[in-house]
Amino acid sequence: MRNVFRVAFAALAFVGVMTVTGDARAAELPIGGNYVDDDGSVHEGAVEAITAAGISSGCHDVYPLFCADDPITRGQMAAFLSRAFDIPRSSEDRFSDDETSIFQSDINGVAAAGVTLGCNPPSNTHFCPDAAVTRGQMASFLARTLQLADRFPIPGSSFDDTDTSVFATDIARLADAGLTKGCNPPGNSSFCPDRLVTRAEMATFIARALGLEPIPVTPRPPVERVVSFTTYHKCCEARVTNIHVMADAIDGAVVYPGFAFSVNDHLGPRTRSKGYVPAPILLDGEGYCCDHPLNIGGGTSQFGTTIYNAIFRGGYEIVSHRPHSRYIDRYPLGIEATLGYPSPDVEFVNDTLTPVTIRTSYTSTSITVTFYGNAMDRDVSWTVTPSSGVTYNSGGYVRVTRTVEEASGDERTESWGWSYQGS
């Protein structure tokens, strides 16, 4: 066991003396760091430190998330300890309840190393991989991993809330090793042994144990209201039900920096089971209702136009949109979009450093889409040519040109042309 934990002992011996320099790594980080859900956390630097050390790569296969505030599970704990302290993974099955766990080999490894016996004494046939870990349990995991009993056989530290805890001795050893001060700063008279440990807190404990210096993170721009757009409609029509169903389904959606948001991908097919009802649509340029499959969820292009205008006016990168086949004068000329499933779609990329949260609201006669994020003081301007003279009956060609100027002075200009059908 001593050979297994050689790295851990060396780290503890030099905590605060031999640390990994964080400033050099900070220069390599994107603004806001690798994750978007730990912004402003006191543990953010430690999260980045264990990421740089290869101990964690987050909690999601696609999105830049660490799940910082989620309680760490026993299975995740096993993986963190295995990676951080070079505990060999094992294929020798130790427990009967971890067969489907992605952490099974990590669990077997920490069991073989004597870090855990299980979770159901005295038989200890289970590990409880999905159970959340308390601070007291965490103290025992770390104390055994670091063999703190050898260094602190009679611990001297104490807290006012650990006397009745079965983990009191390991908690005291953790404090003696300088890995914890307590849970109620600045007094830190308590340890909160029954409180669940979050993934971000665990990052800090591991970083301290390994002597990893927290990596400074340049904060990303703060969240603020970027843009809001409202369109209006008549009350009480069937399509208003569809607009409201769609708005409710999208309300609160988050678009992470560098990621795309597709209305159709988010919503999926419009079906009665989701609350959509038959309503008129434009089919081949003519109004049609109501026995076509596309009539289910009809009329939601009002929502498509509303969210498209928020995208357009916020200066975000437009991936996909298509205006209506005929011009409807309740919408801005040329700056509007229709919806259908699977197409046409409205899709954009969040090309800023801050996540975009889409909020929707409505009345019986209006629908509003608001984006919260930070557009970094970009300036958005546009022209529509011609600016008038196009009607539902006459049709006509329009060209929309949008210029987005970033605060840095960088500028991009895009242009879209569209021919509206006439009668």
Protein backbone atom coordinates (compact mmCIF):
# COMPACT_ATOMS: atom_id res chain seq x y z
CA MET A 1 0.00 0.00 0.00
CA ARG A 2 2.91 2.36 0.66
CA ASN A 3 4.08 2.07 -2.94
CA VAL A 4 0.58 2.80 -4.21
CA PHE A 5 0.44 6.06 -2.29
CA ARG A 6 4.00 7.27 -2.79
CA VAL A 7 2.69 10.24 -4.84
CA ALA A 8 0.24 11.19 -2.10
CA PHE A 9 2.88 11.15 0.63
CA ALA A 10 5.27 13.26 -1.41
CA ALA A 11 2.53 15.80 -2.09
CA LEU A 12 1.55 16.10 1.56
CA ALA A 13 5.14 16.55 2.63
CA PHE A 14 5.47 19.67 0.52
CA VAL A 15 2.02 21.27 0.58
CA GLY A 16 2.59 25.01 0.35
CA VAL A 17 6.27 24.53 -0.51
CA MET A 18 6.48 22.59 -3.75
CA THR A 19 3.37 23.50 -5.73
CA VAL A 20 2.54 23.38 -9.38
CA THR A 21 2.70 26.89 -10.75
CA GLY A 22 -0.77 28.09 -11.68
CA ASP A 23 0.07 31.30 -13.50
CA ALA A 24 1.59 29.54 -16.50
CA ARG A 25 -1.45 27.33 -16.86
CA ALA A 26 -3.77 30.31 -16.43
CA ALA A 27 -2.35 31.82 -19.61
CA GLU A 28 -3.52 28.73 -21.49
CA LEU A 29 -7.09 28.86 -20.22
CA PRO A 30 -9.92 30.44 -22.20
CA ILE A 31 -11.65 33.38 -20.56
CA GLY A 32 -13.96 31.92 -17.95
CA GLY A 33 -12.02 28.68 -17.78
CA ASN A 34 -12.92 25.24 -19.09
CA TYR A 35 -16.37 25.12 -17.52
CA VAL A 36 -19.37 27.44 -17.45
CA ASP A 37 -21.05 26.18 -14.27
CA ASP A 38 -18.35 27.06 -11.76
CA ASP A 39 -18.01 30.75 -12.59
CA GLY A 40 -17.34 32.75 -9.45
CA SER A 41 -16.98 29.67 -7.26
CA VAL A 42 -14.28 29.75 -4.59
CA HIS A 43 -13.33 26.31 -5.89
CA GLU A 44 -12.94 27.35 -9.55
CA GLY A 45 -9.13 27.51 -9.41
CA ALA A 46 -8.95 24.05 -7.85
CA VAL A 47 -11.34 22.67 -10.46
CA GLU A 48 -9.02 23.96 -13.17
CA ALA A 49 -6.00 22.55 -11.34
CA ILE A 50 -7.34 19.00 -11.21
CA THR A 51 -8.48 19.33 -14.81
CA ALA A 52 -4.98 20.34 -15.88
CA ALA A 53 -3.64 17.36 -13.91
CA GLY A 54 -5.91 14.97 -15.81
CA ILE A 55 -7.95 14.02 -12.76
CA SER A 56 -11.24 15.22 -14.23
CA SER A 57 -12.51 16.39 -17.59
CA GLY A 58 -15.92 17.48 -16.38
CA CYS A 59 -19.26 15.76 -16.07
CA HIS A 60 -20.67 15.95 -19.60
CA ASP A 61 -19.53 14.36 -22.85
CA VAL A 62 -20.55 17.38 -24.93
CA TYR A 63 -21.10 20.51 -22.88
CA PRO A 64 -18.44 22.39 -20.86
CA LEU A 65 -19.84 21.41 -17.47
CA PHE A 66 -18.21 20.29 -14.23
CA CYS A 67 -21.49 19.89 -12.30
CA ALA A 68 -19.75 21.93 -9.64
CA ASP A 69 -22.64 22.10 -7.19
CA ASP A 70 -23.76 18.49 -7.56
CA PRO A 71 -22.97 16.18 -4.64
CA ILE A 72 -20.15 13.82 -5.53
CA THR A 73 -21.16 10.16 -5.58
CA ARG A 74 -19.21 7.27 -4.12
CA GLY A 75 -18.47 6.03 -7.64
CA GLN A 76 -17.16 9.41 -8.73
CA MET A 77 -15.12 9.60 -5.52
CA ALA A 78 -13.48 6.28 -6.39
CA ALA A 79 -12.56 7.60 -9.84
CA PHE A 80 -11.17 10.87 -8.47
CA LEU A 81 -9.01 9.05 -5.92
CA SER A 82 -7.84 6.49 -8.46
CA ARG A 83 -6.71 9.15 -10.92
CA ALA A 84 -5.31 11.59 -8.38
CA PHE A 85 -3.24 9.12 -6.37
CA ASP A 86 -2.34 6.54 -9.02
CA ILE A 87 -4.39 3.75 -7.46
CA PRO A 88 -4.42 0.91 -10.00
CA ARG A 89 -7.83 0.03 -11.37
CA SER A 90 -8.87 -3.58 -10.95
CA SER A 91 -11.06 -6.08 -12.76
CA GLU A 92 -11.49 -8.22 -9.65
CA ASP A 93 -15.12 -7.73 -8.68
CA ARG A 94 -15.50 -6.72 -5.06
CA PHE A 95 -19.15 -5.72 -4.78
CA SER A 96 -22.50 -6.92 -6.07
CA ASP A 97 -24.10 -3.54 -6.84
CA ASP A 98 -21.61 -1.87 -9.18
CA GLU A 99 -21.87 -4.05 -12.30
CA THR A 100 -23.52 -1.28 -14.32
CA SER A 101 -21.37 1.51 -12.93
CA ILE A 102 -18.88 3.15 -15.28
CA PHE A 103 -16.63 3.42 -12.23
CA GLN A 104 -16.55 -0.31 -11.43
CA SER A 105 -12.84 -0.78 -12.08
CA ASP A 106 -12.03 2.34 -10.02
CA ILE A 107 -14.22 1.03 -7.21
CA ASN A 108 -12.48 -2.34 -7.32
CA GLY A 109 -9.12 -0.58 -7.26
CA VAL A 110 -9.78 1.56 -4.19
CA ALA A 111 -11.25 -1.50 -2.42
CA ALA A 112 -8.15 -3.56 -3.22
CA ALA A 113 -6.00 -0.73 -1.85
CA GLY A 114 -7.90 -0.73 1.44
CA VAL A 115 -9.48 2.69 0.94
CA THR A 116 -13.00 1.31 1.30
CA LEU A 117 -14.64 -1.80 2.69
CA GLY A 118 -18.11 -1.12 1.33
CA CYS A 119 -21.30 0.58 2.45
CA ASN A 120 -23.33 -2.14 4.21
CA PRO A 121 -21.35 -3.43 7.18
CA PRO A 122 -20.72 -5.98 8.44
CA SER A 123 -21.11 -7.99 5.21
CA ASN A 124 -20.01 -5.08 2.96
CA THR A 125 -21.22 -6.75 -0.22
CA HIS A 126 -22.32 -3.37 -1.59
CA PHE A 127 -20.46 -0.19 -2.47
CA CYS A 128 -23.52 2.07 -3.13
CA PRO A 129 -21.83 3.75 -6.14
CA ASP A 130 -24.66 6.24 -6.72
CA ALA A 131 -24.96 7.36 -3.09
CA ALA A 132 -23.81 10.89 -2.29
CA VAL A 133 -20.75 11.35 -0.08
CA THR A 134 -20.86 13.33 3.16
CA ARG A 135 -17.96 15.42 4.41
CA GLY A 136 -17.36 12.88 7.14
CA GLN A 137 -17.19 10.00 4.66
CA MET A 138 -14.93 12.08 2.45
CA ALA A 139 -12.57 12.60 5.38
CA SER A 140 -12.26 8.84 5.82
CA PHE A 141 -11.72 8.25 2.09
CA LEU A 142 -8.88 10.77 2.06
CA ALA A 143 -7.39 9.75 5.41
CA ARG A 144 -7.13 6.14 4.28
CA THR A 145 -5.84 7.10 0.84
CA LEU A 146 -3.14 9.29 2.35
CA GLN A 147 -2.45 6.92 5.27
CA LEU A 148 -2.86 9.78 7.70
CA ALA A 149 -3.07 7.37 10.65
CA ASP A 150 0.66 6.78 10.19
CA ARG A 151 1.46 10.48 10.36
CA PHE A 152 -1.12 11.49 12.94
CA PRO A 153 -1.81 8.46 15.17
CA ILE A 154 -3.24 10.75 17.86
CA PRO A 155 -4.74 13.74 16.07
CA GLY A 156 -4.81 17.07 17.83
CA SER A 157 -7.45 19.00 15.88
CA SER A 158 -11.10 19.07 16.83
CA PHE A 159 -14.38 20.64 15.81
CA ASP A 160 -17.45 21.35 17.90
CA ASP A 161 -19.78 19.21 15.77
CA THR A 162 -17.82 15.97 15.28
CA ASP A 163 -17.87 14.39 18.75
CA THR A 164 -20.63 11.94 17.84
CA SER A 165 -19.44 11.29 14.30
CA VAL A 166 -17.94 7.88 13.49
CA PHE A 167 -15.54 9.81 11.27
CA ALA A 168 -14.29 12.17 14.01
CA THR A 169 -10.75 10.77 14.11
CA ASP A 170 -10.27 10.92 10.34
CA ILE A 171 -11.74 14.43 10.27
CA ALA A 172 -9.21 15.53 12.89
CA ARG A 173 -6.37 13.93 10.94
CA LEU A 174 -7.51 15.76 7.80
CA ALA A 175 -7.30 19.03 9.73
CA ASP A 176 -3.89 18.16 11.17
CA ALA A 177 -2.64 17.56 7.62
CA GLY A 178 -3.79 21.05 6.61
CA LEU A 179 -6.40 19.75 4.18
CA THR A 180 -9.37 21.36 5.90
CA LYS A 181 -10.01 24.28 8.20
CA GLY A 182 -13.71 23.71 8.72
CA CYS A 183 -17.02 24.62 7.15
CA ASN A 184 -18.03 27.92 8.77
CA PRO A 185 -15.41 30.57 8.00
CA PRO A 186 -14.01 32.69 9.41
CA GLY A 187 -14.47 30.97 12.77
CA ASN A 188 -14.27 27.44 11.34
CA SER A 189 -15.32 25.88 14.61
CA SER A 190 -17.44 23.30 12.76
CA PHE A 191 -16.76 20.67 10.13
CA CYS A 192 -20.36 19.83 9.05
CA PRO A 193 -19.67 16.06 8.85
CA ASP A 194 -23.16 15.20 7.61
CA ARG A 195 -23.25 17.78 4.84
CA LEU A 196 -22.87 16.44 1.31
CA VAL A 197 -19.63 17.18 -0.53
CA THR A 198 -19.99 18.86 -3.90
CA ARG A 199 -17.79 18.00 -6.86
CA ALA A 200 -16.21 21.47 -6.66
CA GLU A 201 -15.41 21.08 -2.96
CA MET A 202 -13.85 17.71 -3.68
CA ALA A 203 -11.65 19.37 -6.29
CA THR A 204 -10.30 21.65 -3.58
CA PHE A 205 -9.60 18.78 -1.17
CA ILE A 206 -7.75 16.84 -3.87
CA ALA A 207 -5.80 19.89 -5.04
CA ARG A 208 -4.65 20.56 -1.47
CA ALA A 209 -3.67 16.93 -0.96
CA LEU A 210 -1.56 16.95 -4.12
CA GLY A 211 -0.09 20.40 -3.57
CA LEU A 212 -1.69 21.71 -6.76
CA GLU A 213 -1.84 25.47 -6.82
CA PRO A 214 -5.28 26.80 -7.86
CA ILE A 215 -5.13 28.11 -11.41
CA PRO A 216 -6.37 31.70 -11.68
CA VAL A 217 -9.27 32.12 -14.07
CA THR A 218 -10.05 35.34 -15.93
CA PRO A 219 -13.77 35.91 -15.30
CA ARG A 220 -16.04 35.77 -18.28
CA PRO A 221 -18.23 38.84 -18.98
CA PRO A 222 -21.17 39.04 -16.55
CA VAL A 223 -24.69 37.99 -17.50
CA GLU A 224 -27.03 40.79 -18.50
CA ARG A 225 -30.01 41.29 -20.75
CA VAL A 226 -28.69 41.35 -24.31
CA VAL A 227 -31.79 41.69 -26.44
CA SER A 228 -35.55 41.32 -26.28
CA PHE A 229 -38.09 41.21 -29.10
CA THR A 230 -41.87 41.07 -29.14
CA THR A 231 -44.33 40.33 -31.91
CA TYR A 232 -48.10 40.69 -31.71
CA HIS A 233 -51.06 38.60 -32.86
CA LYS A 234 -54.81 38.33 -32.51
CA CYS A 235 -56.20 36.78 -29.38
CA CYS A 236 -57.67 33.38 -28.90
CA GLU A 237 -56.88 31.66 -32.20
CA ALA A 238 -55.80 28.00 -32.24
CA ARG A 239 -52.28 28.96 -33.28
CA VAL A 240 -51.87 30.97 -30.08
CA THR A 241 -52.05 27.69 -28.16
CA ASN A 242 -49.21 26.36 -30.31
CA ILE A 243 -47.14 29.50 -29.80
CA HIS A 244 -47.52 29.18 -26.04
CA VAL A 245 -46.65 25.46 -26.04
CA MET A 246 -43.52 26.21 -28.05
CA ALA A 247 -42.55 29.15 -25.86
CA ASP A 248 -42.92 27.08 -22.69
CA ALA A 249 -40.75 24.30 -24.14
CA ILE A 250 -37.91 26.68 -25.01
CA ASP A 251 -38.08 28.92 -21.95
CA GLY A 252 -34.89 28.54 -19.91
CA ALA A 253 -32.84 26.84 -22.63
CA VAL A 254 -29.12 27.54 -22.26
CA VAL A 255 -26.75 27.85 -25.22
CA TYR A 256 -23.14 27.45 -24.16
CA PRO A 257 -20.31 29.48 -25.76
CA GLY A 258 -19.37 28.02 -29.14
CA PHE A 259 -22.45 25.80 -29.30
CA ALA A 260 -25.42 25.93 -31.66
CA PHE A 261 -29.10 26.09 -30.78
CA SER A 262 -31.68 24.70 -33.19
CA VAL A 263 -35.36 25.31 -32.51
CA ASN A 264 -36.30 22.04 -34.23
CA ASP A 265 -33.64 19.99 -32.48
CA HIS A 266 -34.80 21.35 -29.15
CA LEU A 267 -38.52 20.85 -29.77
CA GLY A 268 -38.71 17.75 -31.92
CA PRO A 269 -41.90 16.91 -33.85
CA ARG A 270 -45.02 18.92 -33.03
CA THR A 271 -47.57 16.39 -31.80
CA ARG A 272 -50.91 16.43 -30.04
CA SER A 273 -49.36 14.61 -27.08
CA LYS A 274 -47.14 17.65 -26.50
CA GLY A 275 -50.15 19.97 -26.51
CA TYR A 276 -50.06 21.20 -30.10
CA VAL A 277 -53.37 21.63 -31.95
CA PRO A 278 -54.37 22.00 -35.63
CA ALA A 279 -54.02 25.56 -36.93
CA PRO A 280 -53.68 27.25 -40.35
CA ILE A 281 -50.33 27.18 -42.19
CA LEU A 282 -48.92 28.59 -45.42
CA LEU A 283 -48.74 25.63 -47.83
CA ASP A 284 -47.27 26.38 -51.25
CA GLY A 285 -47.83 30.06 -50.60
CA GLU A 286 -51.50 29.72 -49.66
CA GLY A 287 -53.24 29.51 -46.33
CA TYR A 288 -54.40 25.95 -45.53
CA CYS A 289 -56.25 24.29 -42.68
CA CYS A 290 -56.63 21.80 -41.15
CA ASP A 291 -56.28 18.16 -42.31
CA HIS A 292 -52.61 18.23 -43.33
CA PRO A 293 -50.05 16.71 -40.88
CA LEU A 294 -48.26 20.07 -40.84
CA ASN A 295 -51.37 21.73 -39.42
CA ILE A 296 -50.56 20.16 -36.05
CA GLY A 297 -48.56 22.91 -34.43
CA GLY A 298 -49.44 25.38 -37.18
CA GLY A 299 -48.99 29.10 -36.75
CA THR A 300 -45.75 28.84 -34.78
CA SER A 301 -43.80 30.80 -37.33
CA GLN A 302 -44.79 33.74 -35.17
CA PHE A 303 -42.45 32.28 -32.58
CA GLY A 304 -39.83 31.58 -35.26
CA THR A 305 -39.86 35.23 -36.28
CA THR A 306 -39.67 36.43 -32.69
CA ILE A 307 -36.66 34.33 -31.74
CA TYR A 308 -35.01 35.04 -35.08
CA ASN A 309 -35.21 38.77 -34.41
CA ALA A 310 -33.58 38.29 -31.02
CA ILE A 311 -30.78 36.35 -32.72
CA PHE A 312 -30.46 38.90 -35.53
CA ARG A 313 -30.48 41.99 -33.31
CA GLY A 314 -28.14 40.39 -30.77
CA GLY A 315 -25.54 39.95 -33.49
CA TYR A 316 -25.28 36.18 -33.02
CA GLU A 317 -24.04 33.92 -35.80
CA ILE A 318 -27.00 32.79 -37.90
CA VAL A 319 -26.81 29.20 -39.12
CA SER A 320 -30.26 28.63 -40.57
CA HIS A 321 -33.43 30.60 -41.25
CA ARG A 322 -35.92 31.07 -44.06
CA PRO A 323 -38.45 33.88 -44.47
CA HIS A 324 -42.10 33.16 -45.22
CA SER A 325 -43.08 32.47 -48.81
CA ARG A 326 -45.38 35.50 -48.66
CA TYR A 327 -44.82 38.67 -46.71
CA ILE A 328 -46.91 39.09 -43.56
CA ASP A 329 -46.91 42.72 -42.49
CA ARG A 330 -46.98 42.09 -38.74
CA TYR A 331 -43.32 41.06 -39.07
CA PRO A 332 -40.27 43.20 -39.94
CA LEU A 333 -39.74 43.11 -43.70
CA GLY A 334 -37.03 40.57 -44.56
CA ILE A 335 -36.11 40.02 -40.89
CA GLU A 336 -38.48 37.17 -40.18
CA ALA A 337 -38.50 33.39 -40.27
CA THR A 338 -40.89 30.54 -40.77
CA LEU A 339 -40.82 27.18 -39.00
CA GLY A 340 -41.73 23.60 -39.89
CA TYR A 341 -40.52 20.17 -38.91
CA PRO A 342 -37.94 18.96 -39.75
CA SER A 343 -37.45 22.12 -41.79
CA PRO A 344 -37.38 25.06 -42.14
CA ASP A 345 -35.52 25.70 -38.92
CA VAL A 346 -34.11 28.62 -36.95
CA GLU A 347 -30.59 27.93 -35.70
CA PHE A 348 -27.78 30.09 -34.35
CA VAL A 349 -24.38 29.80 -32.68
CA ASN A 350 -23.53 31.50 -29.42
CA ASP A 351 -20.34 33.18 -30.59
CA THR A 352 -19.73 34.98 -27.30
CA LEU A 353 -17.85 34.02 -24.13
CA THR A 354 -20.96 33.87 -21.93
CA PRO A 355 -23.77 31.30 -21.96
CA VAL A 356 -27.03 32.55 -23.47
CA THR A 357 -30.21 31.82 -21.53
CA ILE A 358 -33.36 32.07 -23.63
CA ARG A 359 -36.40 33.31 -21.75
CA THR A 360 -39.88 33.52 -23.21
CA SER A 361 -43.05 35.23 -22.05
CA TYR A 362 -46.43 35.84 -23.59
CA THR A 363 -49.85 37.38 -23.26
CA SER A 364 -53.02 36.53 -25.15
CA THR A 365 -51.89 38.87 -27.93
CA SER A 366 -48.07 38.85 -27.87
CA ILE A 367 -44.97 36.66 -27.63
CA THR A 368 -41.60 37.89 -26.34
CA VAL A 369 -38.16 36.28 -26.53
CA THR A 370 -35.34 37.66 -24.39
CA PHE A 371 -31.68 36.62 -24.43
CA TYR A 372 -29.57 36.88 -21.28
CA GLY A 373 -25.80 36.64 -21.71
CA ASN A 374 -23.19 39.16 -22.73
CA ALA A 375 -22.69 40.34 -26.31
CA MET A 376 -19.45 42.07 -25.29
CA ASP A 377 -20.54 45.56 -26.36
CA ARG A 378 -20.93 44.60 -29.99
CA ASP A 379 -22.79 47.03 -32.22
CA VAL A 380 -25.38 45.66 -34.66
CA SER A 381 -26.79 47.64 -37.58
CA TRP A 382 -28.69 46.66 -40.71
CA THR A 383 -30.38 47.86 -43.86
CA VAL A 384 -33.36 46.48 -45.76
CA THR A 385 -33.68 47.23 -49.48
CA PRO A 386 -36.29 48.17 -50.50
CA SER A 387 -37.61 49.33 -47.16
CA SER A 388 -41.25 49.39 -48.28
CA GLY A 389 -43.57 48.53 -51.16
CA VAL A 390 -43.67 44.76 -50.58
CA THR A 391 -47.10 43.40 -49.60
CA TYR A 392 -48.77 40.04 -49.16
CA ASN A 393 -50.43 40.37 -52.58
CA SER A 394 -47.68 42.11 -54.55
CA GLY A 395 -44.71 40.12 -53.33
CA GLY A 396 -41.26 41.39 -54.20
CA TYR A 397 -37.54 40.98 -53.65
CA VAL A 398 -35.74 42.29 -50.56
CA ARG A 399 -32.15 42.22 -49.41
CA VAL A 400 -31.15 42.44 -45.77
CA THR A 401 -27.59 43.44 -44.88
CA ARG A 402 -26.39 43.15 -41.28
CA THR A 403 -23.13 44.53 -39.91
CA VAL A 404 -21.80 43.35 -36.55
CA GLU A 405 -18.95 45.37 -35.09
CA GLU A 406 -17.20 43.88 -32.08
CA ALA A 407 -15.79 46.00 -29.26
CA SER A 408 -12.33 45.07 -30.58
CA GLY A 409 -13.13 46.83 -33.85
CA ASP A 410 -13.45 43.58 -35.81
CA GLU A 411 -16.39 43.74 -38.17
CA ARG A 412 -18.39 41.27 -40.22
CA THR A 413 -21.06 41.99 -42.78
CA GLU A 414 -23.64 39.46 -43.98
CA SER A 415 -26.34 39.75 -46.58
CA TRP A 416 -29.46 37.73 -47.35
CA GLY A 417 -31.82 38.08 -50.29
CA TRP A 418 -35.37 36.78 -50.51
CA SER A 419 -38.18 36.87 -53.09
CA TYR A 420 -41.67 36.96 -51.62
CA GLN A 421 -44.41 35.41 -53.73
CA GLY A 422 -47.37 37.52 -54.81
CA SER A 423 -50.95 36.67 -55.75
